[in-house]
Amino acid sequence: MPENNLDNNIFVSPSSGSFLYTGRIDFTNPHAPCFIFPGSSATFRFHGKSAAVKLKNYHSCYHNYIGVVIDGQVQEKIEITEHGVELILPVCDRLSDTDHEVILYKCQDASHYLDFLGLLIDRSAHMLPAPKRPSRRMECYGDSVSAGEVCEALDCIGRADPENHEGIYSNAWYSYAFITARKLQAELHDIAQGGIALLDRTGYFHAPDYVGMESAWDKLRYCDYFGDITPWDFSLYTPHVVIIAIGQNDSNPQDYMGRDEEKSARWKRRYIEFVKQLRGKYPDALFILTTTILNHDKAWDNAIDNIAEELCDPKVVHFLYSNNGCGTPGHIRIPEAEKMAEELTAFIESFGEGIWK
């Protein structure tokens, strides 16, 4: 139950049972769950006029933000400007004195980690039962596009990214992955990291010692900027649908697919191993192999198509967007993400209700 706080508010502990948590979250300390992956969230319901969140942010790069959705309406992101100290940030104020549902979520990837330390509500308010968890579950393994990076740069639709964006346009809520999940009324764990490729020592993430999805996929804490690497307990979450959207950053430092036979074959072998490892964790899930509409050489999509054929598994399918690999030279903006989500949603729905059983 909530307990009184010295600041003339009611303090609600993260372990109170008042929150619906979504995402691959570290609950090692139940009084300070750590939000790691983009879109990780705490949803709560209360009757009252105002609420503030207590948190501690661990900064790596860029500007860092927490997102807020009140009664289904997305609010302005709140920038976290102090790091490594406990903060109290107002997240909603001057609301009508009635029932409200609020979602607090992490906007970005490993540009920061975030300890959720609780909630403060006005003394005349009271908490309501936490929302029910959706029955449908999805998981996405992807890069910056899946994380919603630079998606709010609406002046750059179909164009390259603005210079020195520094995270100010990034918002996981508007990624194609989360839009798709909302369309399907599904819970989503978004295992997405900007710059990540499949293989270690390639891509852009964790320079100069580049870390690939082959090392991060089975981790909870996957970035040593914030301390020890820790494993994820796969028994805690079993998705019905798994999206693997890797292949965009794999051309760095060399765009070898279809040009270097040995390297191409190695990438395909490792991709197949990755899928099989995940299939071992989720034997009943539908796996969708894909990339995105961000410009890239078609050879990578051809390789993934070959992989799907080689696996010859009815639960592993390859999906291409209508403008796959040629939609934009920059990151995916919100309208483009919405179109991707429409196409991906229709594709998933074509498999019928049975995939959610």
Protein backbone atom coordinates (compact mmCIF):
# COMPACT_ATOMS: atom_id res chain seq x y z
CA MET A 1 0.00 0.00 0.00
CA PRO A 2 1.15 3.61 -0.54
CA GLU A 3 2.80 5.24 2.43
CA ASN A 4 2.91 8.89 3.47
CA ASN A 5 5.88 10.94 2.31
CA LEU A 6 7.50 13.87 4.10
CA ASP A 7 6.89 16.14 1.11
CA ASN A 8 3.16 16.23 1.85
CA ASN A 9 2.47 13.72 -0.92
CA ILE A 10 1.76 10.02 -1.03
CA PHE A 11 4.70 7.88 -2.07
CA VAL A 12 3.97 4.75 -4.11
CA SER A 13 6.79 2.20 -4.14
CA PRO A 14 7.75 0.43 -7.38
CA SER A 15 7.14 -2.84 -5.51
CA SER A 16 3.65 -1.86 -4.34
CA GLY A 17 1.80 -3.88 -7.00
CA SER A 18 0.32 -0.67 -8.42
CA PHE A 19 2.29 -0.80 -11.68
CA LEU A 20 2.09 -2.84 -14.86
CA TYR A 21 5.66 -3.20 -16.09
CA THR A 22 6.49 -3.88 -19.72
CA GLY A 23 9.92 -4.62 -21.17
CA ARG A 24 13.09 -6.50 -20.37
CA ILE A 25 13.51 -4.78 -16.99
CA ASP A 26 16.01 -5.53 -14.22
CA PHE A 27 14.11 -6.24 -10.98
CA THR A 28 17.20 -7.29 -8.98
CA ASN A 29 16.23 -4.45 -6.64
CA PRO A 30 12.40 -4.51 -6.60
CA HIS A 31 12.39 -1.03 -5.04
CA ALA A 32 14.42 0.38 -7.96
CA PRO A 33 13.68 -1.55 -11.17
CA CYS A 34 16.09 -0.55 -13.93
CA PHE A 35 14.71 0.34 -17.36
CA ILE A 36 17.26 -0.71 -19.97
CA PHE A 37 15.67 -1.23 -23.38
CA PRO A 38 13.71 1.37 -25.38
CA GLY A 39 10.02 1.60 -24.58
CA SER A 40 10.34 -0.16 -21.20
CA SER A 41 7.47 1.19 -19.15
CA ALA A 42 5.45 1.38 -15.95
CA THR A 43 1.71 1.91 -16.33
CA PHE A 44 -0.49 2.95 -13.43
CA ARG A 45 -4.01 4.14 -12.72
CA PHE A 46 -4.96 6.69 -10.09
CA HIS A 47 -7.73 9.04 -9.04
CA GLY A 48 -6.29 12.51 -8.60
CA LYS A 49 -4.97 15.68 -10.16
CA SER A 50 -1.18 15.29 -10.27
CA ALA A 51 1.70 12.83 -10.13
CA ALA A 52 5.49 12.97 -10.17
CA VAL A 53 8.04 10.26 -10.83
CA LYS A 54 11.11 9.59 -8.73
CA LEU A 55 14.08 8.28 -10.71
CA LYS A 56 17.83 8.04 -11.08
CA ASN A 57 19.38 8.29 -14.53
CA TYR A 58 22.67 6.82 -15.72
CA HIS A 59 23.94 8.77 -18.70
CA SER A 60 26.08 7.50 -21.56
CA CYS A 61 25.41 9.84 -24.48
CA TYR A 62 22.87 12.17 -26.08
CA HIS A 63 20.05 13.99 -24.32
CA ASN A 64 17.95 11.52 -22.31
CA TYR A 65 14.17 11.52 -21.95
CA ILE A 66 11.25 9.87 -20.24
CA GLY A 67 7.98 9.66 -22.17
CA VAL A 68 4.51 10.16 -20.71
CA VAL A 69 1.12 9.08 -22.02
CA ILE A 70 -1.95 10.28 -20.09
CA ASP A 71 -5.36 8.74 -20.79
CA GLY A 72 -4.14 7.61 -24.21
CA GLN A 73 -2.74 11.01 -25.18
CA VAL A 74 1.01 11.30 -25.77
CA GLN A 75 2.53 14.20 -23.84
CA GLU A 76 5.75 16.10 -24.40
CA LYS A 77 8.87 14.12 -23.54
CA ILE A 78 10.55 15.17 -20.30
CA GLU A 79 14.30 15.67 -20.52
CA ILE A 80 16.42 14.31 -17.70
CA THR A 81 19.16 16.87 -17.21
CA GLU A 82 20.81 15.57 -14.03
CA HIS A 83 22.46 12.17 -13.89
CA GLY A 84 23.57 9.83 -11.13
CA VAL A 85 21.35 11.49 -8.52
CA GLU A 86 17.78 10.90 -7.36
CA LEU A 87 15.30 13.24 -9.03
CA ILE A 88 11.60 13.99 -8.78
CA LEU A 89 10.04 15.03 -12.10
CA PRO A 90 6.40 16.14 -12.40
CA VAL A 91 4.78 14.01 -15.12
CA CYS A 92 1.19 15.21 -14.94
CA ASP A 93 -0.41 18.23 -13.32
CA ARG A 94 -3.72 20.09 -13.25
CA LEU A 95 -5.67 17.04 -14.29
CA SER A 96 -9.39 16.72 -13.62
CA ASP A 97 -10.05 15.12 -10.25
CA THR A 98 -11.08 11.79 -11.69
CA ASP A 99 -9.62 8.43 -12.79
CA HIS A 100 -6.54 8.50 -15.02
CA GLU A 101 -4.20 5.99 -16.66
CA VAL A 102 -0.57 7.01 -17.12
CA ILE A 103 2.26 5.28 -18.99
CA LEU A 104 5.83 6.24 -18.09
CA TYR A 105 8.35 4.90 -20.59
CA LYS A 106 12.02 5.08 -21.53
CA CYS A 107 12.37 6.84 -24.88
CA GLN A 108 15.79 5.56 -25.93
CA ASP A 109 18.23 2.66 -25.98
CA ALA A 110 21.56 2.36 -24.11
CA SER A 111 22.23 6.08 -24.38
CA HIS A 112 21.11 5.74 -20.76
CA TYR A 113 19.78 3.34 -18.14
CA LEU A 114 17.06 4.47 -15.75
CA ASP A 115 16.15 3.40 -12.20
CA PHE A 116 12.44 3.85 -11.50
CA LEU A 117 12.25 4.77 -7.80
CA GLY A 118 8.54 5.32 -7.38
CA LEU A 119 5.68 7.74 -7.70
CA LEU A 120 4.39 10.74 -5.77
CA ILE A 121 0.70 11.62 -5.93
CA ASP A 122 -1.14 14.43 -4.18
CA ARG A 123 -2.46 13.63 -0.73
CA SER A 124 -6.10 13.75 -1.82
CA ALA A 125 -5.42 11.18 -4.58
CA HIS A 126 -5.44 7.40 -4.41
CA MET A 127 -4.11 4.59 -6.56
CA LEU A 128 -6.38 2.30 -8.53
CA PRO A 129 -5.71 -1.33 -9.49
CA ALA A 130 -2.98 -1.73 -12.10
CA PRO A 131 -4.19 -2.38 -15.68
CA LYS A 132 -4.42 -5.94 -16.90
CA ARG A 133 -1.57 -7.31 -18.97
CA PRO A 134 -2.37 -7.88 -22.69
CA SER A 135 -2.81 -11.51 -23.67
CA ARG A 136 -0.81 -11.07 -26.90
CA ARG A 137 2.98 -10.84 -26.69
CA MET A 138 5.60 -9.71 -29.21
CA GLU A 139 9.36 -9.29 -29.21
CA CYS A 140 11.57 -7.37 -31.63
CA TYR A 141 15.33 -7.69 -32.14
CA GLY A 142 16.50 -4.67 -34.08
CA ASP A 143 18.63 -1.57 -34.42
CA SER A 144 17.99 2.18 -34.26
CA VAL A 145 14.93 1.99 -36.54
CA SER A 146 13.27 -0.50 -34.20
CA ALA A 147 14.21 1.79 -31.30
CA GLY A 148 12.57 4.85 -32.89
CA GLU A 149 15.76 6.84 -33.24
CA VAL A 150 15.39 10.26 -34.93
CA CYS A 151 11.74 9.46 -35.73
CA GLU A 152 10.47 12.90 -34.65
CA ALA A 153 12.57 14.80 -37.23
CA LEU A 154 9.45 15.48 -39.29
CA ASP A 155 11.15 18.10 -41.47
CA CYS A 156 13.39 15.33 -42.82
CA ILE A 157 10.85 12.80 -44.10
CA GLY A 158 12.47 10.91 -46.96
CA ARG A 159 15.75 12.74 -46.38
CA ALA A 160 18.98 12.31 -44.44
CA ASP A 161 19.04 12.95 -40.71
CA PRO A 162 19.54 16.46 -39.35
CA GLU A 163 23.06 17.16 -38.19
CA ASN A 164 23.90 16.79 -34.49
CA HIS A 165 20.45 15.50 -33.53
CA GLU A 166 21.86 14.21 -30.20
CA GLY A 167 18.79 12.12 -29.35
CA ILE A 168 16.34 15.03 -29.27
CA TYR A 169 14.20 13.48 -32.02
CA SER A 170 14.26 9.89 -30.71
CA ASN A 171 11.15 8.27 -29.25
CA ALA A 172 10.51 4.52 -29.02
CA TRP A 173 6.75 5.14 -28.76
CA TYR A 174 6.71 6.07 -32.45
CA SER A 175 8.88 3.23 -33.73
CA TYR A 176 7.23 0.90 -36.23
CA ALA A 177 7.65 -1.88 -33.65
CA PHE A 178 5.59 -0.18 -30.95
CA ILE A 179 3.02 1.15 -33.42
CA THR A 180 2.55 -2.40 -34.71
CA ALA A 181 2.20 -3.75 -31.19
CA ARG A 182 -0.47 -1.16 -30.36
CA LYS A 183 -2.37 -1.96 -33.55
CA LEU A 184 -2.37 -5.63 -32.57
CA GLN A 185 -3.11 -4.87 -28.89
CA ALA A 186 0.02 -6.76 -27.93
CA GLU A 187 2.69 -6.33 -25.29
CA LEU A 188 6.15 -5.70 -26.75
CA HIS A 189 9.69 -6.25 -25.55
CA ASP A 190 11.83 -4.11 -27.87
CA ILE A 191 15.35 -5.56 -27.83
CA ALA A 192 16.65 -2.78 -30.04
CA GLN A 193 19.92 -0.86 -29.98
CA GLY A 194 21.05 1.90 -32.29
CA GLY A 195 23.99 0.95 -34.50
CA ILE A 196 23.91 -2.75 -33.67
CA ALA A 197 24.69 -5.38 -36.29
CA LEU A 198 24.41 -9.15 -36.06
CA LEU A 199 28.11 -9.89 -35.60
CA ASP A 200 30.54 -8.57 -33.02
CA ARG A 201 33.24 -6.26 -34.38
CA THR A 202 30.83 -4.90 -37.00
CA GLY A 203 28.17 -2.20 -37.04
CA TYR A 204 28.38 1.00 -35.01
CA PHE A 205 27.37 0.13 -31.45
CA HIS A 206 29.91 0.25 -28.61
CA ALA A 207 32.81 1.69 -30.64
CA PRO A 208 35.63 0.90 -30.96
CA ASP A 209 34.94 -2.58 -29.53
CA TYR A 210 31.77 -3.14 -31.51
CA VAL A 211 29.16 -5.40 -29.92
CA GLY A 212 26.69 -7.28 -32.11
CA MET A 213 23.30 -8.83 -31.47
CA GLU A 214 25.01 -12.23 -31.28
CA SER A 215 26.35 -11.09 -27.89
CA ALA A 216 23.43 -8.91 -26.74
CA TRP A 217 20.32 -10.96 -27.58
CA ASP A 218 20.32 -13.07 -24.41
CA LYS A 219 21.35 -10.31 -22.00
CA LEU A 220 19.46 -8.15 -19.54
CA ARG A 221 22.22 -5.62 -18.94
CA TYR A 222 24.07 -5.75 -22.24
CA CYS A 223 26.15 -2.58 -22.12
CA ASP A 224 29.26 -2.46 -19.91
CA TYR A 225 29.12 1.34 -19.79
CA PHE A 226 26.84 0.82 -16.78
CA GLY A 227 28.59 -2.04 -15.00
CA ASP A 228 28.54 -5.81 -15.32
CA ILE A 229 26.85 -7.65 -18.19
CA THR A 230 24.04 -9.88 -16.89
CA PRO A 231 21.97 -12.65 -18.52
CA TRP A 232 18.23 -12.52 -19.24
CA ASP A 233 15.90 -15.15 -17.81
CA PHE A 234 13.85 -16.25 -20.82
CA SER A 235 11.29 -17.95 -18.59
CA LEU A 236 9.99 -14.50 -17.63
CA TYR A 237 8.51 -13.70 -21.03
CA THR A 238 7.41 -15.84 -23.97
CA PRO A 239 6.28 -13.99 -27.10
CA HIS A 240 3.83 -15.26 -29.71
CA VAL A 241 5.51 -13.26 -32.49
CA VAL A 242 9.23 -12.49 -32.83
CA ILE A 243 10.53 -9.89 -35.28
CA ILE A 244 14.21 -10.01 -36.26
CA ALA A 245 15.10 -6.78 -38.04
CA ILE A 246 18.89 -7.04 -38.30
CA GLY A 247 21.05 -6.41 -41.37
CA GLN A 248 21.14 -2.63 -41.76
CA ASN A 249 24.37 -1.90 -39.89
CA ASP A 250 26.19 -5.07 -40.90
CA SER A 251 27.77 -3.34 -43.91
CA ASN A 252 30.13 -1.41 -41.63
CA PRO A 253 33.09 -1.46 -41.95
CA GLN A 254 32.66 -3.42 -45.20
CA ASP A 255 29.57 -3.92 -47.36
CA TYR A 256 30.58 -7.48 -48.20
CA MET A 257 27.29 -9.29 -48.77
CA GLY A 258 27.33 -10.80 -52.26
CA ARG A 259 30.86 -9.50 -52.82
CA ASP A 260 32.96 -11.56 -50.42
CA GLU A 261 31.88 -15.19 -50.54
CA GLU A 262 33.60 -16.25 -47.33
CA LYS A 263 32.29 -13.36 -45.22
CA SER A 264 28.81 -13.65 -46.71
CA ALA A 265 28.67 -17.36 -45.90
CA ARG A 266 29.84 -16.72 -42.33
CA TRP A 267 27.15 -14.08 -41.78
CA LYS A 268 24.45 -16.40 -43.07
CA ARG A 269 25.66 -19.24 -40.85
CA ARG A 270 25.65 -17.02 -37.79
CA TYR A 271 22.21 -15.62 -38.63
CA ILE A 272 20.86 -19.19 -38.91
CA GLU A 273 22.45 -20.05 -35.56
CA PHE A 274 20.87 -16.95 -34.02
CA VAL A 275 17.40 -17.89 -35.28
CA LYS A 276 17.82 -21.46 -34.05
CA GLN A 277 18.92 -20.23 -30.63
CA LEU A 278 15.82 -18.08 -30.36
CA ARG A 279 13.61 -20.86 -31.73
CA GLY A 280 14.95 -23.01 -28.92
CA LYS A 281 13.71 -20.42 -26.43
CA TYR A 282 10.35 -19.88 -28.18
CA PRO A 283 9.49 -23.07 -30.09
CA ASP A 284 5.86 -22.08 -30.68
CA ALA A 285 6.38 -18.47 -31.81
CA LEU A 286 6.05 -17.08 -35.33
CA PHE A 287 9.41 -15.63 -36.44
CA ILE A 288 9.44 -12.79 -38.97
CA LEU A 289 12.82 -12.09 -40.60
CA THR A 290 13.04 -8.63 -42.12
CA THR A 291 15.02 -5.40 -42.45
CA THR A 292 13.49 -1.91 -42.90
CA ILE A 293 12.86 0.76 -45.53
CA LEU A 294 16.12 2.55 -44.68
CA ASN A 295 18.34 2.45 -47.77
CA HIS A 296 20.62 -0.59 -48.02
CA ASP A 297 21.94 -3.03 -50.58
CA LYS A 298 19.35 -5.59 -51.64
CA ALA A 299 21.97 -8.32 -51.24
CA TRP A 300 21.27 -8.37 -47.50
CA ASP A 301 17.57 -9.04 -48.08
CA ASN A 302 18.41 -11.72 -50.63
CA ALA A 303 20.64 -13.36 -48.02
CA ILE A 304 17.82 -13.34 -45.47
CA ASP A 305 15.46 -14.81 -48.07
CA ASN A 306 17.98 -17.61 -48.67
CA ILE A 307 18.21 -18.16 -44.93
CA ALA A 308 14.43 -18.52 -44.59
CA GLU A 309 14.43 -21.05 -47.43
CA GLU A 310 17.31 -22.99 -45.94
CA LEU A 311 15.66 -23.16 -42.52
CA CYS A 312 12.54 -24.60 -44.21
CA ASP A 313 10.50 -23.95 -41.07
CA PRO A 314 6.81 -22.95 -41.39
CA LYS A 315 7.19 -20.77 -38.31
CA VAL A 316 10.08 -18.77 -39.81
CA VAL A 317 9.06 -16.39 -42.61
CA HIS A 318 10.67 -13.55 -44.55
CA PHE A 319 8.85 -10.22 -44.88
CA LEU A 320 9.60 -7.26 -47.15
CA TYR A 321 7.97 -3.84 -46.96
CA SER A 322 6.65 -2.32 -50.19
CA ASN A 323 9.68 0.00 -50.34
CA ASN A 324 12.08 -2.22 -48.43
CA GLY A 325 15.66 -0.96 -48.46
CA CYS A 326 14.89 2.02 -50.69
CA GLY A 327 12.43 4.18 -48.73
CA THR A 328 14.73 6.81 -47.27
CA PRO A 329 18.43 7.65 -46.78
CA GLY A 330 17.72 8.76 -43.21
CA HIS A 331 16.05 7.27 -40.19
CA ILE A 332 12.37 6.43 -40.31
CA ARG A 333 10.11 9.35 -39.39
CA ILE A 334 6.74 8.91 -37.71
CA PRO A 335 4.58 8.85 -40.89
CA GLU A 336 6.96 6.34 -42.48
CA ALA A 337 6.90 4.21 -39.32
CA GLU A 338 3.10 4.27 -39.38
CA LYS A 339 3.08 2.98 -42.97
CA MET A 340 5.58 0.25 -42.07
CA ALA A 341 3.39 -0.71 -39.12
CA GLU A 342 0.30 -0.92 -41.34
CA GLU A 343 2.06 -3.32 -43.69
CA LEU A 344 3.62 -5.39 -40.90
CA THR A 345 0.31 -5.57 -39.01
CA ALA A 346 -1.52 -6.80 -42.09
CA PHE A 347 1.18 -9.43 -42.64
CA ILE A 348 0.94 -10.69 -39.07
CA GLU A 349 -2.85 -10.72 -39.17
CA SER A 350 -2.73 -12.86 -42.33
CA PHE A 351 -1.61 -15.78 -40.16
CA GLY A 352 -4.90 -15.73 -38.28
CA GLU A 353 -5.82 -15.83 -34.61
CA GLY A 354 -4.04 -19.14 -34.10
CA ILE A 355 -0.64 -17.50 -33.72
CA TRP A 356 -1.79 -15.87 -30.47
CA LYS A 357 -2.86 -19.11 -28.81
